[in-house]
Amino acid sequence: MQKIAVIGGGSWATALIKILQENCNSIYWWLRDEDQIKEISKTGKNPKYLSSCQLDKTKLIISSKINEIILNSDVIIIATPSIYINEIFLDITSEDLENKMIVNAVKGIIPQTNQLPITYFKEKYNIPKDNLAVLTGPCHAEEVAMERLSYLTIACSDKHKANQLASSISCSFIKTVSIEDTIGAELSSVLKNVYALMAGVCYGLGYGDNFLAVLISNASQELERFINKKDSIERDVKQSAYLGDLLVTAYSIHSRNRRFGLMIGKGYSIKATQLEMNMIAEGYFATKCVYEINKSLNVNCPIIKAAYHILYDKISPKIEFKILSDQIS
């Protein structure tokens, strides 16, 4: 069994630890917060996220020193919000990551560079594409903590490595699928957060399930257009890694992006919404990044455009949804 590390201390990182401990005797875990480290080492529970989730502390090697974690690991799973990646890896060199497998479990774009994490690690650290993978859903951390049957997708250009990683995370409550579409899987996991945020705005404004069905149906088409323009290969976006992840994020009560949008739709300001939530909604940052990327792609994306106008141009959600309702069908 390869030595696996998880970078991040949030709910998704905690859920991944729970999954990995089913098959791994030891897991390296990087956390920034020393108090958090002490509490997990003492009780086997993360006091900040998924606090009811019991972890096997005897299998955990926890440290706030990322260099040590990386040095001792073969596979590094990134599960921290995208806004922090640049800072966390600031002092890490290409030599530190040589021959390491980098797995992106982040569902966002690095806002400082406007890059998808896979692109960031490939370009900054010269990681070969066969050593880059994406871990995506459809899957919510809260249901993993409750051991409810969930599905994960591993995307990697090296099918053998994808299958190896899949075997490490398969267990009684996790089933895995492996695909080779790293760009599509990664970009889809970003876009679905924007659409889930807009689903929340929709409910916050008082629209019902009928309109939401039309919104998400159009979102799936928009997602397909965007991904295919960015990377034109044969793919079926009806698979769970694409459509399934979109649906669970748009409809689930566990979705932080949906909750963020719900508050915006109810009239909360961006700042008030961010203060109210103790978790980062990737869809907020992704909206601006995707909007900027689309300036060169020129894909017809009315939902992304409306999200940008609401979040960054401060246009009334009520006005934007009235315009949007005339553009989708």
C-alpha atoms as a PDB file:
ATOM      1  CA  MET A   1       0.000   0.000   0.000  1.00  0.00           C
ATOM      2  CA  GLN A   2       1.391   3.375  -0.995  1.00  0.00           C
ATOM      3  CA  LYS A   3       1.763   6.009   1.707  1.00  0.00           C
ATOM      4  CA  ILE A   4      -1.127   8.461   1.376  1.00  0.00           C
ATOM      5  CA  ALA A   5      -1.429  11.995   2.725  1.00  0.00           C
ATOM      6  CA  VAL A   6      -4.425  14.314   2.984  1.00  0.00           C
ATOM      7  CA  ILE A   7      -3.899  18.077   2.917  1.00  0.00           C
ATOM      8  CA  GLY A   8      -6.647  20.048   4.655  1.00  0.00           C
ATOM      9  CA  GLY A   9      -8.658  20.092   7.871  1.00  0.00           C
ATOM     10  CA  GLY A  10     -12.223  20.716   6.701  1.00  0.00           C
ATOM     11  CA  SER A  11     -15.248  18.460   6.360  1.00  0.00           C
ATOM     12  CA  TRP A  12     -14.204  16.914   3.036  1.00  0.00           C
ATOM     13  CA  ALA A  13     -10.661  16.207   4.250  1.00  0.00           C
ATOM     14  CA  THR A  14     -12.116  14.618   7.396  1.00  0.00           C
ATOM     15  CA  ALA A  15     -14.476  12.484   5.312  1.00  0.00           C
ATOM     16  CA  LEU A  16     -11.566  11.325   3.141  1.00  0.00           C
ATOM     17  CA  ILE A  17      -9.627  10.320   6.255  1.00  0.00           C
ATOM     18  CA  LYS A  18     -12.609   8.241   7.368  1.00  0.00           C
ATOM     19  CA  ILE A  19     -12.708   6.523   3.971  1.00  0.00           C
ATOM     20  CA  LEU A  20      -8.967   5.890   3.753  1.00  0.00           C
ATOM     21  CA  GLN A  21      -8.712   4.407   7.236  1.00  0.00           C
ATOM     22  CA  GLU A  22     -10.885   1.525   6.041  1.00  0.00           C
ATOM     23  CA  ASN A  23      -7.982   0.239   3.899  1.00  0.00           C
ATOM     24  CA  CYS A  24      -4.829   2.010   5.121  1.00  0.00           C
ATOM     25  CA  ASN A  25      -2.879   1.225   8.279  1.00  0.00           C
ATOM     26  CA  SER A  26      -1.442   4.728   8.438  1.00  0.00           C
ATOM     27  CA  ILE A  27      -2.460   8.047   6.877  1.00  0.00           C
ATOM     28  CA  TYR A  28      -0.483  11.265   6.899  1.00  0.00           C
ATOM     29  CA  TRP A  29      -2.646  14.307   7.588  1.00  0.00           C
ATOM     30  CA  TRP A  30      -1.635  17.947   7.285  1.00  0.00           C
ATOM     31  CA  LEU A  31      -3.564  20.440   9.399  1.00  0.00           C
ATOM     32  CA  ARG A  32      -2.735  24.096   9.944  1.00  0.00           C
ATOM     33  CA  ASP A  33      -4.370  24.453  13.387  1.00  0.00           C
ATOM     34  CA  GLU A  34      -2.311  23.051  16.292  1.00  0.00           C
ATOM     35  CA  ASP A  35      -5.325  23.004  18.632  1.00  0.00           C
ATOM     36  CA  GLN A  36      -7.224  20.992  16.042  1.00  0.00           C
ATOM     37  CA  ILE A  37      -4.313  18.549  15.826  1.00  0.00           C
ATOM     38  CA  LYS A  38      -4.224  18.113  19.605  1.00  0.00           C
ATOM     39  CA  GLU A  39      -7.961  17.464  19.827  1.00  0.00           C
ATOM     40  CA  ILE A  40      -7.987  14.902  17.000  1.00  0.00           C
ATOM     41  CA  SER A  41      -4.917  13.150  18.432  1.00  0.00           C
ATOM     42  CA  LYS A  42      -6.631  12.975  21.818  1.00  0.00           C
ATOM     43  CA  THR A  43     -10.234  12.101  20.915  1.00  0.00           C
ATOM     44  CA  GLY A  44     -10.208  10.903  17.298  1.00  0.00           C
ATOM     45  CA  LYS A  45     -12.717  13.608  16.399  1.00  0.00           C
ATOM     46  CA  ASN A  46     -12.328  16.820  14.420  1.00  0.00           C
ATOM     47  CA  PRO A  47     -13.732  19.541  16.713  1.00  0.00           C
ATOM     48  CA  LYS A  48     -14.432  21.951  13.853  1.00  0.00           C
ATOM     49  CA  TYR A  49     -15.905  19.769  11.103  1.00  0.00           C
ATOM     50  CA  LEU A  50     -17.967  16.566  11.166  1.00  0.00           C
ATOM     51  CA  SER A  51     -17.432  16.548  14.918  1.00  0.00           C
ATOM     52  CA  SER A  52     -19.565  13.420  15.378  1.00  0.00           C
ATOM     53  CA  CYS A  53     -17.400  11.416  12.962  1.00  0.00           C
ATOM     54  CA  GLN A  54     -15.187   8.973  14.859  1.00  0.00           C
ATOM     55  CA  LEU A  55     -11.707   8.503  13.379  1.00  0.00           C
ATOM     56  CA  ASP A  56      -9.168   5.819  14.258  1.00  0.00           C
ATOM     57  CA  LYS A  57      -6.471   8.012  15.799  1.00  0.00           C
ATOM     58  CA  THR A  58      -4.032   5.088  15.908  1.00  0.00           C
ATOM     59  CA  LYS A  59      -3.827   5.223  12.112  1.00  0.00           C
ATOM     60  CA  LEU A  60      -3.210   8.966  11.881  1.00  0.00           C
ATOM     61  CA  ILE A  61       0.143  10.726  11.589  1.00  0.00           C
ATOM     62  CA  ILE A  62      -0.830  14.382  11.938  1.00  0.00           C
ATOM     63  CA  SER A  63       1.424  17.401  11.504  1.00  0.00           C
ATOM     64  CA  SER A  64       1.283  21.111  10.722  1.00  0.00           C
ATOM     65  CA  LYS A  65       4.608  20.821   8.872  1.00  0.00           C
ATOM     66  CA  ILE A  66       3.693  20.248   5.263  1.00  0.00           C
ATOM     67  CA  ASN A  67       7.269  19.488   4.196  1.00  0.00           C
ATOM     68  CA  GLU A  68       7.343  16.478   6.533  1.00  0.00           C
ATOM     69  CA  ILE A  69       3.967  15.239   5.316  1.00  0.00           C
ATOM     70  CA  ILE A  70       5.007  15.485   1.668  1.00  0.00           C
ATOM     71  CA  LEU A  71       8.421  13.903   2.271  1.00  0.00           C
ATOM     72  CA  ASN A  72       6.864  10.805   3.841  1.00  0.00           C
ATOM     73  CA  SER A  73       4.058  10.330   1.298  1.00  0.00           C
ATOM     74  CA  ASP A  74       3.728   8.809  -2.167  1.00  0.00           C
ATOM     75  CA  VAL A  75       0.185  10.018  -2.858  1.00  0.00           C
ATOM     76  CA  ILE A  76      -0.916  13.515  -1.825  1.00  0.00           C
ATOM     77  CA  ILE A  77      -4.633  14.260  -1.789  1.00  0.00           C
ATOM     78  CA  ILE A  78      -5.381  17.982  -1.827  1.00  0.00           C
ATOM     79  CA  ALA A  79      -8.607  18.676   0.071  1.00  0.00           C
ATOM     80  CA  THR A  80      -8.268  22.281   1.171  1.00  0.00           C
ATOM     81  CA  PRO A  81     -10.231  25.236  -0.258  1.00  0.00           C
ATOM     82  CA  SER A  82      -8.739  26.417  -3.544  1.00  0.00           C
ATOM     83  CA  ILE A  83      -8.131  29.921  -2.165  1.00  0.00           C
ATOM     84  CA  TYR A  84      -5.460  28.507   0.207  1.00  0.00           C
ATOM     85  CA  ILE A  85      -3.535  26.204  -2.161  1.00  0.00           C
ATOM     86  CA  ASN A  86      -1.080  28.852  -3.322  1.00  0.00           C
ATOM     87  CA  GLU A  87      -0.255  29.797   0.274  1.00  0.00           C
ATOM     88  CA  ILE A  88       0.018  26.234   1.585  1.00  0.00           C
ATOM     89  CA  PHE A  89       2.444  25.156  -1.152  1.00  0.00           C
ATOM     90  CA  LEU A  90       4.388  28.429  -1.186  1.00  0.00           C
ATOM     91  CA  ASP A  91       7.641  26.904   0.104  1.00  0.00           C
ATOM     92  CA  ILE A  92       7.282  23.581  -1.690  1.00  0.00           C
ATOM     93  CA  THR A  93       9.636  22.965  -4.633  1.00  0.00           C
ATOM     94  CA  SER A  94       9.446  20.776  -7.736  1.00  0.00           C
ATOM     95  CA  GLU A  95      12.045  18.509  -6.134  1.00  0.00           C
ATOM     96  CA  ASP A  96       9.788  18.024  -3.092  1.00  0.00           C
ATOM     97  CA  LEU A  97       7.003  16.725  -5.342  1.00  0.00           C
ATOM     98  CA  GLU A  98       9.165  14.651  -7.661  1.00  0.00           C
ATOM     99  CA  ASN A  99       7.639  11.200  -8.295  1.00  0.00           C
ATOM    100  CA  LYS A 100       4.659  12.067  -6.087  1.00  0.00           C
ATOM    101  CA  MET A 101       1.089  11.377  -7.159  1.00  0.00           C
ATOM    102  CA  ILE A 102      -1.021  14.533  -6.785  1.00  0.00           C
ATOM    103  CA  VAL A 103      -4.748  13.983  -6.380  1.00  0.00           C
ATOM    104  CA  ASN A 104      -7.019  17.002  -6.578  1.00  0.00           C
ATOM    105  CA  ALA A 105     -10.071  16.634  -4.363  1.00  0.00           C
ATOM    106  CA  VAL A 106     -10.690  20.402  -4.445  1.00  0.00           C
ATOM    107  CA  LYS A 107     -13.796  21.536  -6.278  1.00  0.00           C
ATOM    108  CA  GLY A 108     -12.658  25.010  -7.139  1.00  0.00           C
ATOM    109  CA  ILE A 109     -10.288  27.225  -9.114  1.00  0.00           C
ATOM    110  CA  ILE A 110      -7.227  28.869  -7.558  1.00  0.00           C
ATOM    111  CA  PRO A 111      -8.393  32.508  -7.641  1.00  0.00           C
ATOM    112  CA  GLN A 112      -4.924  34.069  -7.385  1.00  0.00           C
ATOM    113  CA  THR A 113      -3.831  32.453 -10.674  1.00  0.00           C
ATOM    114  CA  ASN A 114      -7.205  31.577 -12.220  1.00  0.00           C
ATOM    115  CA  GLN A 115      -5.988  27.994 -12.693  1.00  0.00           C
ATOM    116  CA  LEU A 116      -7.556  24.628 -12.089  1.00  0.00           C
ATOM    117  CA  PRO A 117      -5.483  22.821  -9.429  1.00  0.00           C
ATOM    118  CA  ILE A 118      -4.306  20.143 -11.880  1.00  0.00           C
ATOM    119  CA  THR A 119      -3.005  22.843 -14.236  1.00  0.00           C
ATOM    120  CA  TYR A 120      -1.413  24.675 -11.312  1.00  0.00           C
ATOM    121  CA  PHE A 121       0.585  21.630 -10.177  1.00  0.00           C
ATOM    122  CA  LYS A 122       1.480  20.621 -13.713  1.00  0.00           C
ATOM    123  CA  GLU A 123       2.816  24.056 -14.678  1.00  0.00           C
ATOM    124  CA  LYS A 124       4.363  25.197 -11.407  1.00  0.00           C
ATOM    125  CA  TYR A 125       5.894  21.899 -10.286  1.00  0.00           C
ATOM    126  CA  ASN A 126       6.341  20.067 -13.616  1.00  0.00           C
ATOM    127  CA  ILE A 127       4.225  17.130 -12.467  1.00  0.00           C
ATOM    128  CA  PRO A 128       3.749  14.629 -15.339  1.00  0.00           C
ATOM    129  CA  LYS A 129       0.129  14.213 -16.381  1.00  0.00           C
ATOM    130  CA  ASP A 130       0.183  10.522 -15.431  1.00  0.00           C
ATOM    131  CA  ASN A 131       0.939  11.593 -11.838  1.00  0.00           C
ATOM    132  CA  LEU A 132      -2.053  13.929 -11.688  1.00  0.00           C
ATOM    133  CA  ALA A 133      -5.538  12.749 -10.763  1.00  0.00           C
ATOM    134  CA  VAL A 134      -8.916  14.170  -9.819  1.00  0.00           C
ATOM    135  CA  LEU A 135     -11.140  12.790  -7.073  1.00  0.00           C
ATOM    136  CA  THR A 136     -14.749  13.878  -7.443  1.00  0.00           C
ATOM    137  CA  GLY A 137     -18.315  12.917  -6.529  1.00  0.00           C
ATOM    138  CA  PRO A 138     -21.216  12.843  -6.430  1.00  0.00           C
ATOM    139  CA  CYS A 139     -20.534  12.749  -2.717  1.00  0.00           C
ATOM    140  CA  HIS A 140     -21.197  14.904   0.367  1.00  0.00           C
ATOM    141  CA  ALA A 141     -18.903  14.659   3.388  1.00  0.00           C
ATOM    142  CA  GLU A 142     -21.843  14.567   5.802  1.00  0.00           C
ATOM    143  CA  GLU A 143     -23.197  11.346   4.292  1.00  0.00           C
ATOM    144  CA  VAL A 144     -19.751   9.753   4.265  1.00  0.00           C
ATOM    145  CA  ALA A 145     -19.543  10.464   8.004  1.00  0.00           C
ATOM    146  CA  MET A 146     -22.829   8.584   8.436  1.00  0.00           C
ATOM    147  CA  GLU A 147     -21.521   5.739   6.231  1.00  0.00           C
ATOM    148  CA  ARG A 148     -24.337   6.161   3.750  1.00  0.00           C
ATOM    149  CA  LEU A 149     -23.586   4.479   0.439  1.00  0.00           C
ATOM    150  CA  SER A 150     -21.738   6.964  -1.779  1.00  0.00           C
ATOM    151  CA  TYR A 151     -19.886   6.957  -5.088  1.00  0.00           C
ATOM    152  CA  LEU A 152     -16.568   8.557  -5.976  1.00  0.00           C
ATOM    153  CA  THR A 153     -14.901   9.022  -9.339  1.00  0.00           C
ATOM    154  CA  ILE A 154     -11.137   8.906  -9.922  1.00  0.00           C
ATOM    155  CA  ALA A 155      -9.967  10.581 -13.118  1.00  0.00           C
ATOM    156  CA  CYS A 156      -6.395  10.021 -14.335  1.00  0.00           C
ATOM    157  CA  SER A 157      -4.775   9.648 -17.751  1.00  0.00           C
ATOM    158  CA  ASP A 158      -3.002   6.568 -16.382  1.00  0.00           C
ATOM    159  CA  LYS A 159      -5.778   4.007 -15.989  1.00  0.00           C
ATOM    160  CA  HIS A 160      -3.624   1.690 -13.857  1.00  0.00           C
ATOM    161  CA  LYS A 161      -2.888   4.427 -11.319  1.00  0.00           C
ATOM    162  CA  ALA A 162      -6.557   5.429 -11.283  1.00  0.00           C
ATOM    163  CA  ASN A 163      -7.517   1.842 -10.451  1.00  0.00           C
ATOM    164  CA  GLN A 164      -4.858   1.660  -7.725  1.00  0.00           C
ATOM    165  CA  LEU A 165      -6.198   4.776  -6.072  1.00  0.00           C
ATOM    166  CA  ALA A 166      -9.770   3.561  -6.464  1.00  0.00           C
ATOM    167  CA  SER A 167      -8.905   0.376  -4.580  1.00  0.00           C
ATOM    168  CA  SER A 168      -7.550   2.481  -1.699  1.00  0.00           C
ATOM    169  CA  ILE A 169     -10.846   4.305  -1.229  1.00  0.00           C
ATOM    170  CA  SER A 170     -13.319   1.521  -1.983  1.00  0.00           C
ATOM    171  CA  CYS A 171     -15.057   0.142   1.091  1.00  0.00           C
ATOM    172  CA  SER A 172     -18.451  -1.027   2.343  1.00  0.00           C
ATOM    173  CA  PHE A 173     -19.979   2.440   2.010  1.00  0.00           C
ATOM    174  CA  ILE A 174     -17.898   3.793  -0.901  1.00  0.00           C
ATOM    175  CA  LYS A 175     -18.022   2.559  -4.495  1.00  0.00           C
ATOM    176  CA  THR A 176     -15.572   3.927  -7.031  1.00  0.00           C
ATOM    177  CA  VAL A 177     -15.437   4.503 -10.765  1.00  0.00           C
ATOM    178  CA  SER A 178     -12.286   5.380 -12.737  1.00  0.00           C
ATOM    179  CA  ILE A 179     -12.184   7.480 -15.905  1.00  0.00           C
ATOM    180  CA  GLU A 180      -9.445   9.173 -17.956  1.00  0.00           C
ATOM    181  CA  ASP A 181     -11.113  12.587 -18.366  1.00  0.00           C
ATOM    182  CA  THR A 182      -9.167  14.653 -15.818  1.00  0.00           C
ATOM    183  CA  ILE A 183      -9.980  18.036 -17.353  1.00  0.00           C
ATOM    184  CA  GLY A 184     -13.688  17.312 -17.740  1.00  0.00           C
ATOM    185  CA  ALA A 185     -14.057  15.867 -14.255  1.00  0.00           C
ATOM    186  CA  GLU A 186     -12.155  18.722 -12.636  1.00  0.00           C
ATOM    187  CA  LEU A 187     -13.932  21.480 -14.558  1.00  0.00           C
ATOM    188  CA  SER A 188     -17.332  19.897 -13.989  1.00  0.00           C
ATOM    189  CA  SER A 189     -16.715  19.834 -10.231  1.00  0.00           C
ATOM    190  CA  VAL A 190     -16.052  23.577 -10.405  1.00  0.00           C
ATOM    191  CA  LEU A 191     -19.004  24.518 -12.606  1.00  0.00           C
ATOM    192  CA  LYS A 192     -21.552  22.546 -10.587  1.00  0.00           C
ATOM    193  CA  ASN A 193     -20.794  24.735  -7.566  1.00  0.00           C
ATOM    194  CA  VAL A 194     -21.753  27.836  -9.551  1.00  0.00           C
ATOM    195  CA  TYR A 195     -24.998  26.208 -10.636  1.00  0.00           C
ATOM    196  CA  ALA A 196     -25.737  24.977  -7.100  1.00  0.00           C
ATOM    197  CA  LEU A 197     -25.228  28.503  -5.815  1.00  0.00           C
ATOM    198  CA  MET A 198     -27.735  29.730  -8.391  1.00  0.00           C
ATOM    199  CA  ALA A 199     -30.141  26.980  -7.339  1.00  0.00           C
ATOM    200  CA  GLY A 200     -29.938  28.405  -3.833  1.00  0.00           C
ATOM    201  CA  VAL A 201     -30.641  31.926  -5.107  1.00  0.00           C
ATOM    202  CA  CYS A 202     -33.611  30.502  -6.972  1.00  0.00           C
ATOM    203  CA  TYR A 203     -35.132  29.117  -3.755  1.00  0.00           C
ATOM    204  CA  GLY A 204     -34.220  32.231  -1.813  1.00  0.00           C
ATOM    205  CA  LEU A 205     -36.217  34.319  -4.269  1.00  0.00           C
ATOM    206  CA  GLY A 206     -39.248  32.078  -3.857  1.00  0.00           C
ATOM    207  CA  TYR A 207     -39.123  30.101  -7.093  1.00  0.00           C
ATOM    208  CA  GLY A 208     -40.335  26.513  -6.835  1.00  0.00           C
ATOM    209  CA  ASP A 209     -39.272  23.055  -7.944  1.00  0.00           C
ATOM    210  CA  ASN A 210     -40.762  23.512 -11.402  1.00  0.00           C
ATOM    211  CA  PHE A 211     -38.474  26.407 -12.262  1.00  0.00           C
ATOM    212  CA  LEU A 212     -35.500  24.777 -10.547  1.00  0.00           C
ATOM    213  CA  ALA A 213     -35.893  21.717 -12.788  1.00  0.00           C
ATOM    214  CA  VAL A 214     -35.629  23.959 -15.846  1.00  0.00           C
ATOM    215  CA  LEU A 215     -32.668  25.842 -14.349  1.00  0.00           C
ATOM    216  CA  ILE A 216     -30.676  22.674 -13.635  1.00  0.00           C
ATOM    217  CA  SER A 217     -31.606  21.129 -16.984  1.00  0.00           C
ATOM    218  CA  ASN A 218     -30.162  24.194 -18.689  1.00  0.00           C
ATOM    219  CA  ALA A 219     -27.179  24.144 -16.337  1.00  0.00           C
ATOM    220  CA  SER A 220     -26.315  20.605 -17.480  1.00  0.00           C
ATOM    221  CA  GLN A 221     -26.387  21.753 -21.104  1.00  0.00           C
ATOM    222  CA  GLU A 222     -24.302  24.814 -20.279  1.00  0.00           C
ATOM    223  CA  LEU A 223     -21.806  22.644 -18.398  1.00  0.00           C
ATOM    224  CA  GLU A 224     -21.478  20.345 -21.407  1.00  0.00           C
ATOM    225  CA  ARG A 225     -20.911  23.247 -23.810  1.00  0.00           C
ATOM    226  CA  PHE A 226     -18.273  24.793 -21.569  1.00  0.00           C
ATOM    227  CA  ILE A 227     -16.312  21.581 -20.923  1.00  0.00           C
ATOM    228  CA  ASN A 228     -16.377  20.499 -24.564  1.00  0.00           C
ATOM    229  CA  LYS A 229     -15.139  23.901 -25.686  1.00  0.00           C
ATOM    230  CA  LYS A 230     -12.330  23.804 -23.129  1.00  0.00           C
ATOM    231  CA  ASP A 231     -11.323  20.219 -23.931  1.00  0.00           C
ATOM    232  CA  SER A 232     -12.955  18.661 -26.961  1.00  0.00           C
ATOM    233  CA  ILE A 233     -12.905  14.903 -26.402  1.00  0.00           C
ATOM    234  CA  GLU A 234     -15.638  12.294 -26.427  1.00  0.00           C
ATOM    235  CA  ARG A 235     -17.347  12.174 -23.018  1.00  0.00           C
ATOM    236  CA  ASP A 236     -20.787  11.403 -21.642  1.00  0.00           C
ATOM    237  CA  VAL A 237     -21.795  14.210 -19.272  1.00  0.00           C
ATOM    238  CA  LYS A 238     -24.767  12.136 -18.118  1.00  0.00           C
ATOM    239  CA  GLN A 239     -22.343  10.044 -16.052  1.00  0.00           C
ATOM    240  CA  SER A 240     -22.374  10.490 -12.289  1.00  0.00           C
ATOM    241  CA  ALA A 241     -19.066  12.422 -12.222  1.00  0.00           C
ATOM    242  CA  TYR A 242     -20.747  15.201 -14.210  1.00  0.00           C
ATOM    243  CA  LEU A 243     -24.553  15.169 -14.016  1.00  0.00           C
ATOM    244  CA  GLY A 244     -24.709  13.259 -10.743  1.00  0.00           C
ATOM    245  CA  ASP A 245     -22.388  15.709  -8.998  1.00  0.00           C
ATOM    246  CA  LEU A 246     -24.388  18.628 -10.376  1.00  0.00           C
ATOM    247  CA  LEU A 247     -27.683  17.201  -9.118  1.00  0.00           C
ATOM    248  CA  VAL A 248     -26.534  16.371  -5.590  1.00  0.00           C
ATOM    249  CA  THR A 249     -24.880  19.764  -5.148  1.00  0.00           C
ATOM    250  CA  ALA A 250     -27.884  21.675  -6.474  1.00  0.00           C
ATOM    251  CA  TYR A 251     -30.519  19.777  -4.485  1.00  0.00           C
ATOM    252  CA  SER A 252     -28.891  18.561  -1.248  1.00  0.00           C
ATOM    253  CA  ILE A 253     -29.418  20.271   2.098  1.00  0.00           C
ATOM    254  CA  HIS A 254     -25.724  19.520   2.770  1.00  0.00           C
ATOM    255  CA  SER A 255     -24.575  21.729  -0.122  1.00  0.00           C
ATOM    256  CA  ARG A 256     -22.729  24.797   1.173  1.00  0.00           C
ATOM    257  CA  ASN A 257     -22.930  26.436  -2.271  1.00  0.00           C
ATOM    258  CA  ARG A 258     -26.696  26.012  -2.346  1.00  0.00           C
ATOM    259  CA  ARG A 259     -26.867  27.474   1.171  1.00  0.00           C
ATOM    260  CA  PHE A 260     -24.698  30.425   0.133  1.00  0.00           C
ATOM    261  CA  GLY A 261     -27.007  31.177  -2.788  1.00  0.00           C
ATOM    262  CA  LEU A 262     -30.092  30.751  -0.620  1.00  0.00           C
ATOM    263  CA  MET A 263     -28.906  33.538   1.674  1.00  0.00           C
ATOM    264  CA  ILE A 264     -28.099  35.801  -1.287  1.00  0.00           C
ATOM    265  CA  GLY A 265     -31.571  35.174  -2.684  1.00  0.00           C
ATOM    266  CA  LYS A 266     -33.095  36.094   0.673  1.00  0.00           C
ATOM    267  CA  GLY A 267     -31.350  39.459   0.612  1.00  0.00           C
ATOM    268  CA  TYR A 268     -28.150  38.895   2.597  1.00  0.00           C
ATOM    269  CA  SER A 269     -25.063  40.741   1.377  1.00  0.00           C
ATOM    270  CA  ILE A 270     -21.994  38.813   0.203  1.00  0.00           C
ATOM    271  CA  LYS A 271     -20.061  39.813   3.330  1.00  0.00           C
ATOM    272  CA  ALA A 272     -22.903  38.874   5.688  1.00  0.00           C
ATOM    273  CA  THR A 273     -23.300  35.516   3.959  1.00  0.00           C
ATOM    274  CA  GLN A 274     -19.588  34.745   4.230  1.00  0.00           C
ATOM    275  CA  LEU A 275     -19.574  35.671   7.922  1.00  0.00           C
ATOM    276  CA  GLU A 276     -22.646  33.532   8.597  1.00  0.00           C
ATOM    277  CA  MET A 277     -21.119  30.403   7.054  1.00  0.00           C
ATOM    278  CA  ASN A 278     -18.132  28.730   8.720  1.00  0.00           C
ATOM    279  CA  MET A 279     -17.180  26.954   5.484  1.00  0.00           C
ATOM    280  CA  ILE A 280     -16.018  28.349   2.157  1.00  0.00           C
ATOM    281  CA  ALA A 281     -18.439  28.147  -0.765  1.00  0.00           C
ATOM    282  CA  GLU A 282     -16.203  27.469  -3.762  1.00  0.00           C
ATOM    283  CA  GLY A 283     -18.944  28.619  -6.129  1.00  0.00           C
ATOM    284  CA  TYR A 284     -18.461  32.242  -5.128  1.00  0.00           C
ATOM    285  CA  PHE A 285     -14.814  32.364  -6.254  1.00  0.00           C
ATOM    286  CA  ALA A 286     -15.423  29.984  -9.166  1.00  0.00           C
ATOM    287  CA  THR A 287     -18.046  32.287 -10.653  1.00  0.00           C
ATOM    288  CA  LYS A 288     -15.542  35.067 -11.279  1.00  0.00           C
ATOM    289  CA  CYS A 289     -12.815  32.702 -12.502  1.00  0.00           C
ATOM    290  CA  VAL A 290     -15.095  30.876 -14.932  1.00  0.00           C
ATOM    291  CA  TYR A 291     -16.575  34.157 -16.150  1.00  0.00           C
ATOM    292  CA  GLU A 292     -13.049  35.421 -16.929  1.00  0.00           C
ATOM    293  CA  ILE A 293     -12.063  32.167 -18.634  1.00  0.00           C
ATOM    294  CA  ASN A 294     -15.165  32.342 -20.807  1.00  0.00           C
ATOM    295  CA  LYS A 295     -14.106  35.705 -22.220  1.00  0.00           C
ATOM    296  CA  SER A 296     -11.706  33.774 -24.449  1.00  0.00           C
ATOM    297  CA  LEU A 297     -13.867  30.675 -24.946  1.00  0.00           C
ATOM    298  CA  ASN A 298     -17.006  32.663 -25.760  1.00  0.00           C
ATOM    299  CA  VAL A 299     -19.398  29.864 -24.762  1.00  0.00           C
ATOM    300  CA  ASN A 300     -23.100  30.667 -24.402  1.00  0.00           C
ATOM    301  CA  CYS A 301     -23.412  30.575 -20.585  1.00  0.00           C
ATOM    302  CA  PRO A 302     -26.384  32.690 -19.434  1.00  0.00           C
ATOM    303  CA  ILE A 303     -26.439  31.106 -15.951  1.00  0.00           C
ATOM    304  CA  ILE A 304     -22.759  31.827 -15.285  1.00  0.00           C
ATOM    305  CA  LYS A 305     -23.264  35.346 -16.625  1.00  0.00           C
ATOM    306  CA  ALA A 306     -26.237  35.905 -14.315  1.00  0.00           C
ATOM    307  CA  ALA A 307     -24.281  34.549 -11.334  1.00  0.00           C
ATOM    308  CA  TYR A 308     -21.444  36.966 -12.041  1.00  0.00           C
ATOM    309  CA  HIS A 309     -23.822  39.924 -12.298  1.00  0.00           C
ATOM    310  CA  ILE A 310     -25.413  39.015  -8.951  1.00  0.00           C
ATOM    311  CA  LEU A 311     -22.212  38.304  -7.025  1.00  0.00           C
ATOM    312  CA  TYR A 312     -19.762  40.807  -8.500  1.00  0.00           C
ATOM    313  CA  ASP A 313     -21.771  43.512 -10.274  1.00  0.00           C
ATOM    314  CA  LYS A 314     -24.197  43.674  -7.318  1.00  0.00           C
ATOM    315  CA  ILE A 315     -27.212  43.515  -9.622  1.00  0.00           C
ATOM    316  CA  SER A 316     -30.459  42.516  -7.898  1.00  0.00           C
ATOM    317  CA  PRO A 317     -30.991  38.723  -7.956  1.00  0.00           C
ATOM    318  CA  LYS A 318     -34.676  39.382  -8.662  1.00  0.00           C
ATOM    319  CA  ILE A 319     -33.818  41.351 -11.811  1.00  0.00           C
ATOM    320  CA  GLU A 320     -31.203  38.843 -12.984  1.00  0.00           C
ATOM    321  CA  PHE A 321     -33.533  35.879 -12.569  1.00  0.00           C
ATOM    322  CA  LYS A 322     -36.272  37.689 -14.475  1.00  0.00           C
ATOM    323  CA  ILE A 323     -33.842  38.152 -17.362  1.00  0.00           C
ATOM    324  CA  LEU A 324     -32.553  34.587 -17.027  1.00  0.00           C
ATOM    325  CA  SER A 325     -36.066  33.115 -17.068  1.00  0.00           C
ATOM    326  CA  ASP A 326     -36.509  34.531 -20.579  1.00  0.00           C
ATOM    327  CA  GLN A 327     -33.217  33.030 -21.777  1.00  0.00           C
ATOM    328  CA  ILE A 328     -33.720  29.407 -20.712  1.00  0.00           C
ATOM    329  CA  SER A 329     -36.457  26.934 -21.561  1.00  0.00           C
END
